[in-house]
Amino acid sequence: MIPSLRRYGNQLIGMPTPIGHALGGIAAGTLIGGAAETDGDRSRLVRWLALLAVLGMLPDADFLVGAHREASHSVGAVLLVVGGGVLVVPRQPRIWAATGAAYLTHVVLDWLGTDTVAPFGLMALWPIDTAFYMSSVELFHPVCRQYWLVGCWASLGRAVAVELAVIGPFAAVGLVRTGLRRRRSRDRSG
């Protein structure tokens, strides 16, 4: 445990921050889906990027029901997201893959975190298996989730810096590729 944060006890949680999860969703979604079906429309592109960011953060909505890191943090949940995409936008496999990948980044990033709260790990293989899994690689450090305490801000700053360094380049490449695809689409139509 980080000595300067020891006094916060069980409030240290070893997962990326919402910023890291949003970046992960944008990175995976844009690398796979590009600008999807935005047809060069800026407002549609912004909505697409927002959707990818939300999907990257969505598994943490399980905090609201007290079942954190359980079924919502699994490949089963990813398949449900893809299935929802199939129903909402039929015949758009690139969108299904991009949205599924955006959601999956949350599972992978949390798996790579340093967990300090039991049960350790996440239920990554639900519904096949209800065991909790942890990676032996602890890429993301525990951070204090009591945001209103000044002492937490140093740990949050370090966590966000690591996330920007690790996930940021992938998000940047995805956004650049998306911009290039969008520009080519505009050039072809105009």
N, C-alpha and C. Protein backbone atom coordinates (compact mmCIF):
# COMPACT_ATOMS: atom_id res chain seq x y z
N MET A 1 0.85 -1.18 0.00
CA MET A 1 0.00 0.00 0.00
C MET A 1 0.89 1.24 0.00
N ILE A 2 0.44 2.28 -0.64
CA ILE A 2 1.20 3.52 -0.70
C ILE A 2 1.19 4.15 0.70
N PRO A 3 2.37 4.35 1.32
CA PRO A 3 2.43 4.83 2.70
C PRO A 3 1.65 6.11 2.97
N SER A 4 1.69 7.06 2.08
CA SER A 4 1.02 8.33 2.33
C SER A 4 -0.50 8.19 2.32
N LEU A 5 -0.99 7.06 1.83
CA LEU A 5 -2.44 6.88 1.78
C LEU A 5 -2.93 5.79 2.72
N ARG A 6 -2.04 5.25 3.55
CA ARG A 6 -2.39 4.14 4.43
C ARG A 6 -3.59 4.49 5.32
N ARG A 7 -3.71 5.73 5.72
CA ARG A 7 -4.78 6.12 6.64
C ARG A 7 -6.17 6.01 6.03
N TYR A 8 -6.27 5.89 4.70
CA TYR A 8 -7.59 5.79 4.07
C TYR A 8 -8.08 4.36 4.02
N GLY A 9 -7.27 3.40 4.49
CA GLY A 9 -7.69 2.01 4.61
C GLY A 9 -8.31 1.44 3.36
N ASN A 10 -9.50 0.92 3.47
CA ASN A 10 -10.17 0.23 2.37
C ASN A 10 -10.67 1.16 1.27
N GLN A 11 -10.42 2.44 1.38
CA GLN A 11 -10.85 3.35 0.33
C GLN A 11 -9.87 3.36 -0.85
N LEU A 12 -8.77 2.62 -0.74
CA LEU A 12 -7.84 2.50 -1.86
C LEU A 12 -8.33 1.39 -2.78
N ILE A 13 -8.55 1.71 -4.01
CA ILE A 13 -9.02 0.72 -4.96
C ILE A 13 -8.06 0.72 -6.14
N GLY A 14 -7.58 -0.44 -6.52
CA GLY A 14 -6.57 -0.53 -7.56
C GLY A 14 -7.14 -0.72 -8.94
N MET A 15 -7.77 0.28 -9.44
CA MET A 15 -8.29 0.25 -10.79
C MET A 15 -8.05 1.61 -11.41
N PRO A 16 -8.09 1.65 -12.72
CA PRO A 16 -7.97 2.96 -13.35
C PRO A 16 -9.10 3.90 -12.94
N THR A 17 -8.84 5.17 -13.07
CA THR A 17 -9.85 6.19 -12.78
C THR A 17 -10.85 6.23 -13.95
N PRO A 18 -11.95 6.93 -13.79
CA PRO A 18 -12.88 7.09 -14.91
C PRO A 18 -12.19 7.68 -16.16
N ILE A 19 -11.18 8.52 -15.96
CA ILE A 19 -10.46 9.09 -17.10
C ILE A 19 -9.75 7.99 -17.87
N GLY A 20 -9.08 7.08 -17.16
CA GLY A 20 -8.40 5.96 -17.81
C GLY A 20 -9.38 5.06 -18.54
N HIS A 21 -10.52 4.79 -17.91
CA HIS A 21 -11.51 3.93 -18.55
C HIS A 21 -12.11 4.59 -19.79
N ALA A 22 -12.37 5.88 -19.73
CA ALA A 22 -12.90 6.59 -20.90
C ALA A 22 -11.88 6.57 -22.04
N LEU A 23 -10.61 6.82 -21.70
CA LEU A 23 -9.56 6.77 -22.73
C LEU A 23 -9.47 5.37 -23.35
N GLY A 24 -9.58 4.34 -22.52
CA GLY A 24 -9.53 2.98 -23.02
C GLY A 24 -10.67 2.70 -23.99
N GLY A 25 -11.88 3.13 -23.64
CA GLY A 25 -13.02 2.93 -24.53
C GLY A 25 -12.85 3.66 -25.85
N ILE A 26 -12.37 4.89 -25.79
CA ILE A 26 -12.13 5.67 -27.02
C ILE A 26 -11.03 5.02 -27.84
N ALA A 27 -9.96 4.58 -27.19
CA ALA A 27 -8.84 3.96 -27.92
C ALA A 27 -9.31 2.73 -28.68
N ALA A 28 -9.93 1.78 -27.98
CA ALA A 28 -10.34 0.54 -28.63
C ALA A 28 -11.42 0.79 -29.69
N GLY A 29 -12.39 1.61 -29.34
CA GLY A 29 -13.49 1.86 -30.27
C GLY A 29 -13.06 2.54 -31.55
N THR A 30 -12.16 3.51 -31.44
CA THR A 30 -11.72 4.21 -32.65
C THR A 30 -10.72 3.39 -33.46
N LEU A 31 -9.90 2.60 -32.78
CA LEU A 31 -8.95 1.75 -33.51
C LEU A 31 -9.69 0.69 -34.31
N ILE A 32 -10.80 0.20 -33.79
CA ILE A 32 -11.58 -0.83 -34.50
C ILE A 32 -12.63 -0.21 -35.41
N GLY A 33 -13.37 0.76 -34.90
CA GLY A 33 -14.49 1.30 -35.65
C GLY A 33 -14.25 2.61 -36.35
N GLY A 34 -13.12 3.25 -36.08
CA GLY A 34 -12.86 4.56 -36.69
C GLY A 34 -13.97 5.53 -36.36
N ALA A 35 -14.44 6.21 -37.37
CA ALA A 35 -15.54 7.17 -37.19
C ALA A 35 -16.89 6.49 -37.36
N ALA A 36 -16.86 5.14 -37.50
CA ALA A 36 -18.08 4.33 -37.68
C ALA A 36 -18.94 4.93 -38.79
N GLU A 37 -20.18 5.11 -38.52
CA GLU A 37 -21.11 5.60 -39.55
C GLU A 37 -21.46 7.06 -39.32
N THR A 38 -20.46 7.89 -39.05
CA THR A 38 -20.73 9.29 -38.76
C THR A 38 -20.82 10.13 -40.02
N ASP A 39 -20.39 9.58 -41.15
CA ASP A 39 -20.49 10.26 -42.46
C ASP A 39 -19.93 11.68 -42.46
N GLY A 40 -18.86 11.89 -41.71
CA GLY A 40 -18.23 13.20 -41.71
C GLY A 40 -18.96 14.25 -40.90
N ASP A 41 -20.07 13.90 -40.25
CA ASP A 41 -20.85 14.83 -39.44
C ASP A 41 -20.20 14.99 -38.07
N ARG A 42 -19.78 16.20 -37.74
CA ARG A 42 -19.06 16.46 -36.49
C ARG A 42 -19.89 16.09 -35.26
N SER A 43 -21.18 16.42 -35.24
CA SER A 43 -21.99 16.12 -34.05
C SER A 43 -22.17 14.62 -33.88
N ARG A 44 -22.29 13.89 -34.98
CA ARG A 44 -22.39 12.43 -34.89
C ARG A 44 -21.07 11.84 -34.40
N LEU A 45 -19.95 12.42 -34.82
CA LEU A 45 -18.65 11.96 -34.36
C LEU A 45 -18.49 12.18 -32.86
N VAL A 46 -18.91 13.34 -32.38
CA VAL A 46 -18.83 13.64 -30.95
C VAL A 46 -19.70 12.65 -30.17
N ARG A 47 -20.89 12.35 -30.66
CA ARG A 47 -21.77 11.38 -29.98
C ARG A 47 -21.13 9.99 -29.99
N TRP A 48 -20.49 9.62 -31.10
CA TRP A 48 -19.81 8.32 -31.21
C TRP A 48 -18.68 8.23 -30.17
N LEU A 49 -17.86 9.27 -30.08
CA LEU A 49 -16.75 9.27 -29.12
C LEU A 49 -17.28 9.25 -27.69
N ALA A 50 -18.36 9.96 -27.43
CA ALA A 50 -18.98 9.96 -26.10
C ALA A 50 -19.51 8.56 -25.76
N LEU A 51 -20.12 7.89 -26.74
CA LEU A 51 -20.61 6.54 -26.52
C LEU A 51 -19.46 5.60 -26.16
N LEU A 52 -18.35 5.70 -26.88
CA LEU A 52 -17.20 4.84 -26.60
C LEU A 52 -16.65 5.11 -25.21
N ALA A 53 -16.56 6.39 -24.81
CA ALA A 53 -16.08 6.74 -23.48
C ALA A 53 -17.02 6.19 -22.41
N VAL A 54 -18.32 6.34 -22.61
CA VAL A 54 -19.30 5.84 -21.63
C VAL A 54 -19.21 4.32 -21.53
N LEU A 55 -19.08 3.63 -22.67
CA LEU A 55 -18.96 2.17 -22.62
C LEU A 55 -17.69 1.75 -21.87
N GLY A 56 -16.63 2.53 -22.01
CA GLY A 56 -15.41 2.22 -21.28
C GLY A 56 -15.57 2.37 -19.77
N MET A 57 -16.47 3.24 -19.35
CA MET A 57 -16.70 3.48 -17.92
C MET A 57 -17.88 2.69 -17.35
N LEU A 58 -18.78 2.23 -18.22
CA LEU A 58 -20.06 1.65 -17.81
C LEU A 58 -20.00 0.52 -16.78
N PRO A 59 -19.05 -0.40 -16.85
CA PRO A 59 -19.07 -1.48 -15.85
C PRO A 59 -19.05 -0.98 -14.41
N ASP A 60 -18.52 0.19 -14.15
CA ASP A 60 -18.49 0.70 -12.78
C ASP A 60 -19.85 1.19 -12.30
N ALA A 61 -20.86 1.15 -13.15
CA ALA A 61 -22.22 1.46 -12.69
C ALA A 61 -22.67 0.41 -11.67
N ASP A 62 -21.97 -0.72 -11.62
CA ASP A 62 -22.31 -1.75 -10.64
C ASP A 62 -22.08 -1.29 -9.20
N PHE A 63 -21.35 -0.19 -9.01
CA PHE A 63 -21.21 0.41 -7.68
C PHE A 63 -22.60 0.73 -7.11
N LEU A 64 -23.53 1.09 -7.99
CA LEU A 64 -24.86 1.49 -7.56
C LEU A 64 -25.67 0.36 -6.96
N VAL A 65 -25.34 -0.89 -7.31
CA VAL A 65 -26.09 -2.04 -6.80
C VAL A 65 -25.26 -2.89 -5.84
N GLY A 66 -24.06 -2.43 -5.50
CA GLY A 66 -23.22 -3.13 -4.54
C GLY A 66 -22.64 -4.44 -5.03
N ALA A 67 -22.45 -4.58 -6.33
CA ALA A 67 -21.92 -5.83 -6.88
C ALA A 67 -20.68 -5.52 -7.72
N HIS A 68 -19.79 -4.69 -7.18
CA HIS A 68 -18.65 -4.23 -7.97
C HIS A 68 -17.71 -5.37 -8.34
N ARG A 69 -17.26 -5.33 -9.59
CA ARG A 69 -16.31 -6.28 -10.18
C ARG A 69 -16.89 -7.68 -10.32
N GLU A 70 -18.20 -7.77 -10.42
CA GLU A 70 -18.83 -9.07 -10.61
C GLU A 70 -19.22 -9.21 -12.08
N ALA A 71 -20.46 -9.56 -12.36
CA ALA A 71 -20.88 -9.88 -13.73
C ALA A 71 -20.65 -8.74 -14.72
N SER A 72 -20.76 -7.50 -14.28
CA SER A 72 -20.58 -6.38 -15.21
C SER A 72 -19.13 -6.25 -15.68
N HIS A 73 -18.21 -6.90 -14.98
CA HIS A 73 -16.78 -6.86 -15.33
C HIS A 73 -16.36 -8.19 -15.94
N SER A 74 -17.08 -8.62 -16.98
CA SER A 74 -16.85 -9.96 -17.53
C SER A 74 -17.02 -10.01 -19.04
N VAL A 75 -16.53 -11.10 -19.61
CA VAL A 75 -16.73 -11.31 -21.05
C VAL A 75 -18.20 -11.55 -21.35
N GLY A 76 -18.95 -12.08 -20.38
CA GLY A 76 -20.40 -12.23 -20.57
C GLY A 76 -21.08 -10.90 -20.78
N ALA A 77 -20.67 -9.89 -20.00
CA ALA A 77 -21.23 -8.55 -20.15
C ALA A 77 -20.83 -7.95 -21.49
N VAL A 78 -19.61 -8.23 -21.93
CA VAL A 78 -19.17 -7.74 -23.25
C VAL A 78 -20.08 -8.32 -24.33
N LEU A 79 -20.38 -9.61 -24.24
CA LEU A 79 -21.26 -10.24 -25.22
C LEU A 79 -22.67 -9.64 -25.19
N LEU A 80 -23.13 -9.26 -24.01
CA LEU A 80 -24.44 -8.59 -23.91
C LEU A 80 -24.41 -7.23 -24.61
N VAL A 81 -23.32 -6.49 -24.47
CA VAL A 81 -23.17 -5.20 -25.14
C VAL A 81 -23.18 -5.40 -26.66
N VAL A 82 -22.44 -6.39 -27.13
CA VAL A 82 -22.40 -6.67 -28.57
C VAL A 82 -23.79 -7.09 -29.05
N GLY A 83 -24.47 -7.93 -28.27
CA GLY A 83 -25.83 -8.35 -28.63
C GLY A 83 -26.78 -7.16 -28.69
N GLY A 84 -26.64 -6.23 -27.77
CA GLY A 84 -27.45 -5.01 -27.81
C GLY A 84 -27.18 -4.22 -29.08
N GLY A 85 -25.90 -4.16 -29.46
CA GLY A 85 -25.55 -3.47 -30.71
C GLY A 85 -26.17 -4.12 -31.93
N VAL A 86 -26.21 -5.44 -31.93
CA VAL A 86 -26.82 -6.17 -33.05
C VAL A 86 -28.29 -5.80 -33.16
N LEU A 87 -28.96 -5.64 -32.03
CA LEU A 87 -30.38 -5.28 -32.05
C LEU A 87 -30.61 -3.83 -32.45
N VAL A 88 -29.73 -2.93 -31.99
CA VAL A 88 -29.92 -1.50 -32.24
C VAL A 88 -29.48 -1.10 -33.64
N VAL A 89 -28.35 -1.62 -34.09
CA VAL A 89 -27.85 -1.27 -35.43
C VAL A 89 -27.53 -2.56 -36.21
N PRO A 90 -28.57 -3.18 -36.77
CA PRO A 90 -28.35 -4.42 -37.53
C PRO A 90 -27.43 -4.17 -38.73
N ARG A 91 -26.73 -5.20 -39.12
CA ARG A 91 -25.83 -5.17 -40.29
C ARG A 91 -24.71 -4.13 -40.16
N GLN A 92 -24.22 -3.92 -38.94
CA GLN A 92 -23.11 -3.00 -38.70
C GLN A 92 -22.04 -3.68 -37.85
N PRO A 93 -21.42 -4.74 -38.35
CA PRO A 93 -20.47 -5.50 -37.52
C PRO A 93 -19.30 -4.66 -37.01
N ARG A 94 -18.90 -3.65 -37.75
CA ARG A 94 -17.80 -2.81 -37.27
C ARG A 94 -18.21 -2.04 -36.02
N ILE A 95 -19.45 -1.60 -35.95
CA ILE A 95 -19.95 -0.91 -34.76
C ILE A 95 -20.07 -1.90 -33.61
N TRP A 96 -20.55 -3.13 -33.89
CA TRP A 96 -20.66 -4.13 -32.83
C TRP A 96 -19.28 -4.41 -32.23
N ALA A 97 -18.30 -4.59 -33.09
CA ALA A 97 -16.94 -4.89 -32.62
C ALA A 97 -16.36 -3.71 -31.84
N ALA A 98 -16.56 -2.50 -32.34
CA ALA A 98 -16.00 -1.32 -31.68
C ALA A 98 -16.63 -1.09 -30.31
N THR A 99 -17.94 -1.24 -30.20
CA THR A 99 -18.60 -1.02 -28.91
C THR A 99 -18.25 -2.14 -27.93
N GLY A 100 -18.18 -3.37 -28.42
CA GLY A 100 -17.77 -4.48 -27.55
C GLY A 100 -16.35 -4.29 -27.05
N ALA A 101 -15.45 -3.85 -27.92
CA ALA A 101 -14.06 -3.62 -27.54
C ALA A 101 -13.95 -2.46 -26.54
N ALA A 102 -14.76 -1.42 -26.73
CA ALA A 102 -14.74 -0.28 -25.80
C ALA A 102 -15.13 -0.76 -24.40
N TYR A 103 -16.14 -1.59 -24.31
CA TYR A 103 -16.58 -2.13 -23.02
C TYR A 103 -15.51 -3.07 -22.45
N LEU A 104 -14.94 -3.92 -23.30
CA LEU A 104 -13.94 -4.89 -22.87
C LEU A 104 -12.70 -4.23 -22.26
N THR A 105 -12.37 -3.02 -22.73
CA THR A 105 -11.19 -2.35 -22.17
C THR A 105 -11.33 -2.16 -20.66
N HIS A 106 -12.54 -1.94 -20.18
CA HIS A 106 -12.73 -1.77 -18.74
C HIS A 106 -12.31 -3.04 -18.00
N VAL A 107 -12.73 -4.18 -18.50
CA VAL A 107 -12.40 -5.46 -17.88
C VAL A 107 -10.89 -5.66 -17.87
N VAL A 108 -10.25 -5.41 -19.00
CA VAL A 108 -8.81 -5.61 -19.12
C VAL A 108 -8.04 -4.64 -18.22
N LEU A 109 -8.43 -3.38 -18.23
CA LEU A 109 -7.72 -2.39 -17.41
C LEU A 109 -7.87 -2.68 -15.92
N ASP A 110 -9.07 -3.06 -15.48
CA ASP A 110 -9.24 -3.41 -14.07
C ASP A 110 -8.45 -4.67 -13.72
N TRP A 111 -8.39 -5.62 -14.63
CA TRP A 111 -7.62 -6.84 -14.41
C TRP A 111 -6.14 -6.52 -14.19
N LEU A 112 -5.66 -5.46 -14.84
CA LEU A 112 -4.26 -5.05 -14.71
C LEU A 112 -4.02 -4.13 -13.52
N GLY A 113 -5.04 -3.91 -12.70
CA GLY A 113 -4.90 -3.03 -11.55
C GLY A 113 -4.37 -3.75 -10.33
N THR A 114 -3.97 -2.98 -9.34
CA THR A 114 -3.53 -3.50 -8.05
C THR A 114 -4.74 -3.49 -7.14
N ASP A 115 -5.28 -4.63 -6.84
CA ASP A 115 -6.51 -4.69 -6.05
C ASP A 115 -6.18 -4.73 -4.57
N THR A 116 -6.87 -3.92 -3.79
CA THR A 116 -6.63 -3.84 -2.35
C THR A 116 -7.89 -4.11 -1.55
N VAL A 117 -8.99 -4.45 -2.22
CA VAL A 117 -10.26 -4.66 -1.54
C VAL A 117 -10.78 -6.05 -1.90
N ALA A 118 -11.10 -6.86 -0.88
CA ALA A 118 -11.64 -8.21 -1.11
C ALA A 118 -13.07 -8.11 -1.61
N PRO A 119 -13.51 -9.02 -2.44
CA PRO A 119 -12.74 -10.10 -3.04
C PRO A 119 -11.78 -9.54 -4.09
N PHE A 120 -10.59 -10.06 -4.12
CA PHE A 120 -9.55 -9.54 -5.00
C PHE A 120 -9.78 -10.01 -6.43
N GLY A 121 -9.60 -9.10 -7.38
CA GLY A 121 -9.76 -9.43 -8.79
C GLY A 121 -11.15 -9.10 -9.29
N LEU A 122 -11.51 -9.72 -10.41
CA LEU A 122 -12.82 -9.50 -10.99
C LEU A 122 -13.34 -10.79 -11.59
N MET A 123 -14.65 -10.86 -11.73
CA MET A 123 -15.32 -12.05 -12.22
C MET A 123 -15.28 -12.06 -13.76
N ALA A 124 -14.09 -12.12 -14.32
CA ALA A 124 -13.86 -11.90 -15.75
C ALA A 124 -14.50 -12.93 -16.66
N LEU A 125 -14.69 -14.14 -16.20
CA LEU A 125 -15.21 -15.20 -17.09
C LEU A 125 -16.69 -15.53 -16.85
N TRP A 126 -17.40 -14.67 -16.12
CA TRP A 126 -18.83 -14.88 -15.94
C TRP A 126 -19.51 -14.89 -17.30
N PRO A 127 -20.48 -15.73 -17.59
CA PRO A 127 -21.20 -16.68 -16.74
C PRO A 127 -20.58 -18.09 -16.72
N ILE A 128 -19.48 -18.28 -17.40
CA ILE A 128 -18.84 -19.59 -17.43
C ILE A 128 -18.27 -19.95 -16.07
N ASP A 129 -17.70 -18.95 -15.37
CA ASP A 129 -17.03 -19.17 -14.10
C ASP A 129 -17.26 -17.95 -13.22
N THR A 130 -17.54 -18.17 -11.95
CA THR A 130 -17.77 -17.05 -11.03
C THR A 130 -16.57 -16.77 -10.14
N ALA A 131 -15.42 -17.36 -10.46
CA ALA A 131 -14.19 -17.07 -9.71
C ALA A 131 -13.70 -15.67 -10.05
N PHE A 132 -12.93 -15.10 -9.13
CA PHE A 132 -12.35 -13.78 -9.34
C PHE A 132 -10.92 -13.95 -9.83
N TYR A 133 -10.56 -13.21 -10.87
CA TYR A 133 -9.24 -13.32 -11.49
C TYR A 133 -8.47 -12.02 -11.34
N MET A 134 -7.15 -12.17 -11.12
CA MET A 134 -6.25 -11.02 -11.05
C MET A 134 -5.04 -11.30 -11.93
N SER A 135 -4.52 -10.27 -12.54
CA SER A 135 -3.29 -10.40 -13.32
C SER A 135 -2.10 -10.36 -12.37
N SER A 136 -1.03 -11.03 -12.77
CA SER A 136 0.19 -10.92 -11.98
C SER A 136 0.92 -9.61 -12.30
N VAL A 137 0.48 -8.94 -13.36
CA VAL A 137 1.05 -7.64 -13.73
C VAL A 137 0.16 -6.56 -13.12
N GLU A 138 0.72 -5.74 -12.26
CA GLU A 138 -0.04 -4.68 -11.61
C GLU A 138 0.37 -3.35 -12.22
N LEU A 139 -0.25 -3.03 -13.33
CA LEU A 139 0.11 -1.83 -14.08
C LEU A 139 -0.45 -0.56 -13.46
N PHE A 140 -1.65 -0.65 -12.91
CA PHE A 140 -2.30 0.52 -12.34
C PHE A 140 -2.28 0.42 -10.83
N HIS A 141 -1.86 1.51 -10.19
CA HIS A 141 -1.66 1.54 -8.75
C HIS A 141 -2.95 1.90 -8.03
N PRO A 142 -3.05 1.51 -6.75
CA PRO A 142 -4.25 1.88 -5.99
C PRO A 142 -4.36 3.39 -5.82
N VAL A 143 -5.56 3.86 -5.88
CA VAL A 143 -5.81 5.29 -5.67
C VAL A 143 -6.92 5.45 -4.65
N CYS A 144 -6.90 6.55 -3.97
CA CYS A 144 -7.92 6.88 -3.00
C CYS A 144 -9.17 7.35 -3.74
N ARG A 145 -10.32 6.83 -3.35
CA ARG A 145 -11.59 7.21 -4.00
C ARG A 145 -12.39 8.21 -3.17
N GLN A 146 -11.78 8.74 -2.12
CA GLN A 146 -12.45 9.78 -1.34
C GLN A 146 -12.01 11.13 -1.91
N TYR A 147 -12.58 11.46 -3.07
CA TYR A 147 -12.15 12.61 -3.86
C TYR A 147 -12.22 13.93 -3.11
N TRP A 148 -13.05 14.02 -2.11
CA TRP A 148 -13.22 15.26 -1.38
C TRP A 148 -12.06 15.53 -0.40
N LEU A 149 -11.18 14.54 -0.18
CA LEU A 149 -10.04 14.72 0.72
C LEU A 149 -8.81 15.16 -0.06
N VAL A 150 -8.19 16.23 0.40
CA VAL A 150 -7.03 16.79 -0.29
C VAL A 150 -5.91 15.77 -0.42
N GLY A 151 -5.72 14.91 0.58
CA GLY A 151 -4.66 13.90 0.53
C GLY A 151 -4.81 12.91 -0.62
N CYS A 152 -6.01 12.77 -1.12
CA CYS A 152 -6.25 11.83 -2.22
C CYS A 152 -5.76 12.38 -3.56
N TRP A 153 -5.66 13.67 -3.69
CA TRP A 153 -5.36 14.27 -4.99
C TRP A 153 -3.98 13.89 -5.52
N ALA A 154 -3.00 13.70 -4.65
CA ALA A 154 -1.67 13.29 -5.11
C ALA A 154 -1.72 11.90 -5.73
N SER A 155 -2.43 10.97 -5.07
CA SER A 155 -2.54 9.62 -5.62
C SER A 155 -3.33 9.63 -6.93
N LEU A 156 -4.36 10.45 -6.98
CA LEU A 156 -5.15 10.55 -8.22
C LEU A 156 -4.31 11.14 -9.35
N GLY A 157 -3.50 12.14 -9.04
CA GLY A 157 -2.63 12.75 -10.06
C GLY A 157 -1.65 11.74 -10.62
N ARG A 158 -1.04 10.93 -9.74
CA ARG A 158 -0.12 9.88 -10.21
C ARG A 158 -0.85 8.85 -11.05
N ALA A 159 -2.03 8.47 -10.62
CA ALA A 159 -2.80 7.46 -11.36
C ALA A 159 -3.16 7.97 -12.76
N VAL A 160 -3.63 9.20 -12.84
CA VAL A 160 -4.01 9.77 -14.14
C VAL A 160 -2.77 9.92 -15.02
N ALA A 161 -1.63 10.28 -14.45
CA ALA A 161 -0.40 10.40 -15.23
C ALA A 161 -0.01 9.05 -15.84
N VAL A 162 -0.12 7.97 -15.06
CA VAL A 162 0.18 6.63 -15.58
C VAL A 162 -0.80 6.26 -16.68
N GLU A 163 -2.08 6.54 -16.46
CA GLU A 163 -3.10 6.23 -17.47
C GLU A 163 -2.86 6.99 -18.77
N LEU A 164 -2.53 8.26 -18.66
CA LEU A 164 -2.24 9.05 -19.86
C LEU A 164 -1.03 8.50 -20.59
N ALA A 165 -0.01 8.06 -19.83
CA ALA A 165 1.20 7.53 -20.45
C ALA A 165 0.96 6.17 -21.09
N VAL A 166 0.14 5.34 -20.48
CA VAL A 166 -0.08 3.98 -20.98
C VAL A 166 -1.20 3.92 -22.02
N ILE A 167 -2.34 4.53 -21.73
CA ILE A 167 -3.52 4.41 -22.58
C ILE A 167 -3.61 5.57 -23.58
N GLY A 168 -3.11 6.74 -23.19
CA GLY A 168 -3.20 7.93 -24.03
C GLY A 168 -2.68 7.76 -25.44
N PRO A 169 -1.51 7.16 -25.64
CA PRO A 169 -1.02 6.99 -27.02
C PRO A 169 -1.96 6.18 -27.91
N PHE A 170 -2.59 5.16 -27.35
CA PHE A 170 -3.54 4.35 -28.13
C PHE A 170 -4.77 5.18 -28.50
N ALA A 171 -5.25 5.98 -27.55
CA ALA A 171 -6.39 6.85 -27.84
C ALA A 171 -6.02 7.89 -28.89
N ALA A 172 -4.80 8.43 -28.80
CA ALA A 172 -4.36 9.43 -29.78
C ALA A 172 -4.28 8.82 -31.18
N VAL A 173 -3.72 7.62 -31.29
CA VAL A 173 -3.64 6.96 -32.60
C VAL A 173 -5.05 6.71 -33.14
N GLY A 174 -5.95 6.23 -32.28
CA GLY A 174 -7.33 5.99 -32.72
C GLY A 174 -8.01 7.26 -33.19
N LEU A 175 -7.81 8.36 -32.47
CA LEU A 175 -8.42 9.63 -32.85
C LEU A 175 -7.83 10.17 -34.15
N VAL A 176 -6.52 10.03 -34.33
CA VAL A 176 -5.89 10.48 -35.58
C VAL A 176 -6.42 9.65 -36.75
N ARG A 177 -6.48 8.34 -36.58
CA ARG A 177 -7.02 7.48 -37.65
C ARG A 177 -8.47 7.83 -37.95
N THR A 178 -9.24 8.12 -36.90
CA THR A 178 -10.64 8.50 -37.08
C THR A 178 -10.73 9.80 -37.87
N GLY A 179 -9.87 10.77 -37.54
CA GLY A 179 -9.86 12.04 -38.27
C GLY A 179 -9.49 11.84 -39.72
N LEU A 180 -8.53 10.97 -39.99
CA LEU A 180 -8.12 10.72 -41.38
C LEU A 180 -9.24 10.04 -42.16
N ARG A 181 -9.89 9.06 -41.53
CA ARG A 181 -11.02 8.39 -42.20
C ARG A 181 -12.15 9.37 -42.46
N ARG A 182 -12.41 10.23 -41.48
CA ARG A 182 -13.48 11.23 -41.62
C ARG A 182 -13.16 12.18 -42.77
N ARG A 183 -11.90 12.60 -42.85
CA ARG A 183 -11.48 13.51 -43.91
C ARG A 183 -11.62 12.84 -45.28
N ARG A 184 -11.19 11.57 -45.39
CA ARG A 184 -11.33 10.84 -46.66
C ARG A 184 -12.80 10.70 -47.05
N SER A 185 -13.66 10.43 -46.07
CA SER A 185 -15.09 10.29 -46.33
C SER A 185 -15.66 11.61 -46.85
N ARG A 186 -15.25 12.72 -46.25
CA ARG A 186 -15.70 14.05 -46.69
C ARG A 186 -15.22 14.34 -48.10
N ASP A 187 -13.93 13.99 -48.39
CA ASP A 187 -13.37 14.25 -49.71
C ASP A 187 -14.10 13.46 -50.79
N ARG A 188 -14.46 12.21 -50.48
CA ARG A 188 -15.18 11.37 -51.46
C ARG A 188 -16.58 11.90 -51.73
N SER A 189 -17.23 12.42 -50.69
CA SER A 189 -18.61 12.89 -50.88
C SER A 189 -18.67 14.30 -51.41
N GLY A 190 -17.58 15.04 -51.28
CA GLY A 190 -17.61 16.45 -51.67
C GLY A 190 -16.87 16.75 -52.87
